[in-house]
Amino acid sequence: MPSHRSRAARVRWRRQMRPIYRGVSSVVRAKLRRIHKRLPR
């Protein structure tokens, strides 16, 4: 069944991309933190 095969490929691709997304999220979080520090409360 092609649908099942595509689903397995999608899961595999997602697993490969997960570390990259994690790194991007960490960078974005650091940037946000820097901006918050700059803003006076």
PDB file of N, CA and C in Angstrom:
ATOM      1  N   MET A   1       0.848  -1.200   0.000  1.00  0.00           N
ATOM      2  CA  MET A   1       0.000   0.000   0.000  1.00  0.00           C
ATOM      3  C   MET A   1       0.888   1.257   0.000  1.00  0.00           C
ATOM      4  N   PRO A   2       0.743   2.127  -0.958  1.00  0.00           N
ATOM      5  CA  PRO A   2       1.584   3.321  -1.044  1.00  0.00           C
ATOM      6  C   PRO A   2       1.344   4.279   0.132  1.00  0.00           C
ATOM      7  N   SER A   3       0.098   4.352   0.601  1.00  0.00           N
ATOM      8  CA  SER A   3      -0.205   5.278   1.701  1.00  0.00           C
ATOM      9  C   SER A   3       0.597   4.911   2.949  1.00  0.00           C
ATOM     10  N   HIS A   4       0.625   3.603   3.267  1.00  0.00           N
ATOM     11  CA  HIS A   4       1.378   3.169   4.456  1.00  0.00           C
ATOM     12  C   HIS A   4       2.869   3.471   4.274  1.00  0.00           C
ATOM     13  N   ARG A   5       3.350   3.224   3.062  1.00  0.00           N
ATOM     14  CA  ARG A   5       4.771   3.457   2.780  1.00  0.00           C
ATOM     15  C   ARG A   5       5.102   4.945   2.970  1.00  0.00           C
ATOM     16  N   SER A   6       4.245   5.834   2.461  1.00  0.00           N
ATOM     17  CA  SER A   6       4.501   7.266   2.586  1.00  0.00           C
ATOM     18  C   SER A   6       4.495   7.671   4.059  1.00  0.00           C
ATOM     19  N   ARG A   7       3.577   7.061   4.824  1.00  0.00           N
ATOM     20  CA  ARG A   7       3.510   7.397   6.248  1.00  0.00           C
ATOM     21  C   ARG A   7       4.813   7.029   6.944  1.00  0.00           C
ATOM     22  N   ALA A   8       5.353   5.853   6.646  1.00  0.00           N
ATOM     23  CA  ALA A   8       6.616   5.412   7.262  1.00  0.00           C
ATOM     24  C   ALA A   8       7.739   6.377   6.864  1.00  0.00           C
ATOM     25  N   ALA A   9       7.767   6.783   5.596  1.00  0.00           N
ATOM     26  CA  ALA A   9       8.809   7.710   5.133  1.00  0.00           C
ATOM     27  C   ALA A   9       8.684   9.038   5.872  1.00  0.00           C
ATOM     28  N   ARG A  10       7.418   9.486   6.059  1.00  0.00           N
ATOM     29  CA  ARG A  10       7.200  10.763   6.737  1.00  0.00           C
ATOM     30  C   ARG A  10       7.715  10.703   8.179  1.00  0.00           C
ATOM     31  N   VAL A  11       7.430   9.590   8.855  1.00  0.00           N
ATOM     32  CA  VAL A  11       7.886   9.436  10.245  1.00  0.00           C
ATOM     33  C   VAL A  11       9.409   9.451  10.286  1.00  0.00           C
ATOM     34  N   ARG A  12      10.029   8.725   9.337  1.00  0.00           N
ATOM     35  CA  ARG A  12      11.493   8.669   9.292  1.00  0.00           C
ATOM     36  C   ARG A  12      12.057  10.078   9.073  1.00  0.00           C
ATOM     37  N   TRP A  13      11.454  10.845   8.123  1.00  0.00           N
ATOM     38  CA  TRP A  13      11.927  12.200   7.826  1.00  0.00           C
ATOM     39  C   TRP A  13      11.775  13.079   9.063  1.00  0.00           C
ATOM     40  N   ARG A  14      10.638  12.925   9.770  1.00  0.00           N
ATOM     41  CA  ARG A  14      10.398  13.731  10.963  1.00  0.00           C
ATOM     42  C   ARG A  14      11.461  13.444  12.018  1.00  0.00           C
ATOM     43  N   ARG A  15      11.805  12.140  12.182  1.00  0.00           N
ATOM     44  CA  ARG A  15      12.837  11.780  13.166  1.00  0.00           C
ATOM     45  C   ARG A  15      14.173  12.428  12.809  1.00  0.00           C
ATOM     46  N   GLN A  16      14.493  12.474  11.502  1.00  0.00           N
ATOM     47  CA  GLN A  16      15.755  13.081  11.073  1.00  0.00           C
ATOM     48  C   GLN A  16      15.735  14.586  11.338  1.00  0.00           C
ATOM     49  N   MET A  17      14.571  15.224  11.136  1.00  0.00           N
ATOM     50  CA  MET A  17      14.484  16.677  11.266  1.00  0.00           C
ATOM     51  C   MET A  17      14.385  17.124  12.721  1.00  0.00           C
ATOM     52  N   ARG A  18      13.983  16.216  13.610  1.00  0.00           N
ATOM     53  CA  ARG A  18      13.729  16.619  14.998  1.00  0.00           C
ATOM     54  C   ARG A  18      14.938  17.336  15.635  1.00  0.00           C
ATOM     55  N   PRO A  19      16.185  16.808  15.541  1.00  0.00           N
ATOM     56  CA  PRO A  19      17.335  17.479  16.149  1.00  0.00           C
ATOM     57  C   PRO A  19      17.544  18.890  15.591  1.00  0.00           C
ATOM     58  N   ILE A  20      17.302  19.072  14.284  1.00  0.00           N
ATOM     59  CA  ILE A  20      17.469  20.382  13.659  1.00  0.00           C
ATOM     60  C   ILE A  20      16.453  21.354  14.256  1.00  0.00           C
ATOM     61  N   TYR A  21      15.185  20.900  14.354  1.00  0.00           N
ATOM     62  CA  TYR A  21      14.147  21.762  14.921  1.00  0.00           C
ATOM     63  C   TYR A  21      14.509  22.134  16.360  1.00  0.00           C
ATOM     64  N   ARG A  22      15.036  21.155  17.110  1.00  0.00           N
ATOM     65  CA  ARG A  22      15.396  21.408  18.504  1.00  0.00           C
ATOM     66  C   ARG A  22      16.446  22.521  18.573  1.00  0.00           C
ATOM     67  N   GLY A  23      17.452  22.463  17.688  1.00  0.00           N
ATOM     68  CA  GLY A  23      18.494  23.486  17.682  1.00  0.00           C
ATOM     69  C   GLY A  23      17.909  24.851  17.341  1.00  0.00           C
ATOM     70  N   VAL A  24      17.028  24.899  16.338  1.00  0.00           N
ATOM     71  CA  VAL A  24      16.423  26.176  15.939  1.00  0.00           C
ATOM     72  C   VAL A  24      15.619  26.741  17.098  1.00  0.00           C
ATOM     73  N   SER A  25      14.813  25.892  17.749  1.00  0.00           N
ATOM     74  CA  SER A  25      13.980  26.363  18.859  1.00  0.00           C
ATOM     75  C   SER A  25      14.854  26.930  19.975  1.00  0.00           C
ATOM     76  N   SER A  26      15.980  26.269  20.260  1.00  0.00           N
ATOM     77  CA  SER A  26      16.867  26.743  21.328  1.00  0.00           C
ATOM     78  C   SER A  26      17.434  28.112  20.962  1.00  0.00           C
ATOM     79  N   VAL A  27      17.807  28.305  19.687  1.00  0.00           N
ATOM     80  CA  VAL A  27      18.355  29.593  19.248  1.00  0.00           C
ATOM     81  C   VAL A  27      17.287  30.678  19.377  1.00  0.00           C
ATOM     82  N   VAL A  28      16.067  30.361  18.928  1.00  0.00           N
ATOM     83  CA  VAL A  28      14.972  31.343  18.996  1.00  0.00           C
ATOM     84  C   VAL A  28      14.701  31.705  20.447  1.00  0.00           C
ATOM     85  N   ARG A  29      14.715  30.685  21.325  1.00  0.00           N
ATOM     86  CA  ARG A  29      14.453  30.930  22.745  1.00  0.00           C
ATOM     87  C   ARG A  29      15.512  31.883  23.320  1.00  0.00           C
ATOM     88  N   ALA A  30      16.786  31.659  22.950  1.00  0.00           N
ATOM     89  CA  ALA A  30      17.868  32.518  23.446  1.00  0.00           C
ATOM     90  C   ALA A  30      17.650  33.958  22.967  1.00  0.00           C
ATOM     91  N   LYS A  31      17.261  34.127  21.696  1.00  0.00           N
ATOM     92  CA  LYS A  31      17.025  35.473  21.163  1.00  0.00           C
ATOM     93  C   LYS A  31      15.909  36.159  21.935  1.00  0.00           C
ATOM     94  N   LEU A  32      14.809  35.424  22.164  1.00  0.00           N
ATOM     95  CA  LEU A  32      13.681  36.004  22.899  1.00  0.00           C
ATOM     96  C   LEU A  32      14.127  36.420  24.294  1.00  0.00           C
ATOM     97  N   ARG A  33      14.915  35.566  24.942  1.00  0.00           N
ATOM     98  CA  ARG A  33      15.388  35.858  26.293  1.00  0.00           C
ATOM     99  C   ARG A  33      16.208  37.157  26.294  1.00  0.00           C
ATOM    100  N   ARG A  34      17.073  37.305  25.257  1.00  0.00           N
ATOM    101  CA  ARG A  34      17.913  38.497  25.149  1.00  0.00           C
ATOM    102  C   ARG A  34      17.035  39.745  25.022  1.00  0.00           C
ATOM    103  N   ILE A  35      15.986  39.648  24.173  1.00  0.00           N
ATOM    104  CA  ILE A  35      15.085  40.782  23.949  1.00  0.00           C
ATOM    105  C   ILE A  35      14.371  41.129  25.263  1.00  0.00           C
ATOM    106  N   HIS A  36      13.903  40.110  25.976  1.00  0.00           N
ATOM    107  CA  HIS A  36      13.193  40.353  27.237  1.00  0.00           C
ATOM    108  C   HIS A  36      14.115  41.040  28.246  1.00  0.00           C
ATOM    109  N   LYS A  37      15.371  40.613  28.268  1.00  0.00           N
ATOM    110  CA  LYS A  37      16.331  41.242  29.198  1.00  0.00           C
ATOM    111  C   LYS A  37      16.495  42.716  28.848  1.00  0.00           C
ATOM    112  N   ARG A  38      16.527  43.027  27.547  1.00  0.00           N
ATOM    113  CA  ARG A  38      16.717  44.409  27.106  1.00  0.00           C
ATOM    114  C   ARG A  38      15.530  45.281  27.537  1.00  0.00           C
ATOM    115  N   LEU A  39      14.299  44.721  27.442  1.00  0.00           N
ATOM    116  CA  LEU A  39      13.102  45.515  27.761  1.00  0.00           C
ATOM    117  C   LEU A  39      13.028  45.786  29.264  1.00  0.00           C
ATOM    118  N   PRO A  40      12.739  47.044  29.655  1.00  0.00           N
ATOM    119  CA  PRO A  40      12.598  47.350  31.089  1.00  0.00           C
ATOM    120  C   PRO A  40      11.193  46.999  31.575  1.00  0.00           C
ATOM    121  N   ARG A  41      11.135  46.343  32.738  1.00  0.00           N
ATOM    122  CA  ARG A  41       9.821  45.931  33.246  1.00  0.00           C
ATOM    123  C   ARG A  41       9.246  47.055  34.096  1.00  0.00           C
TER     124      ARG A  41
END
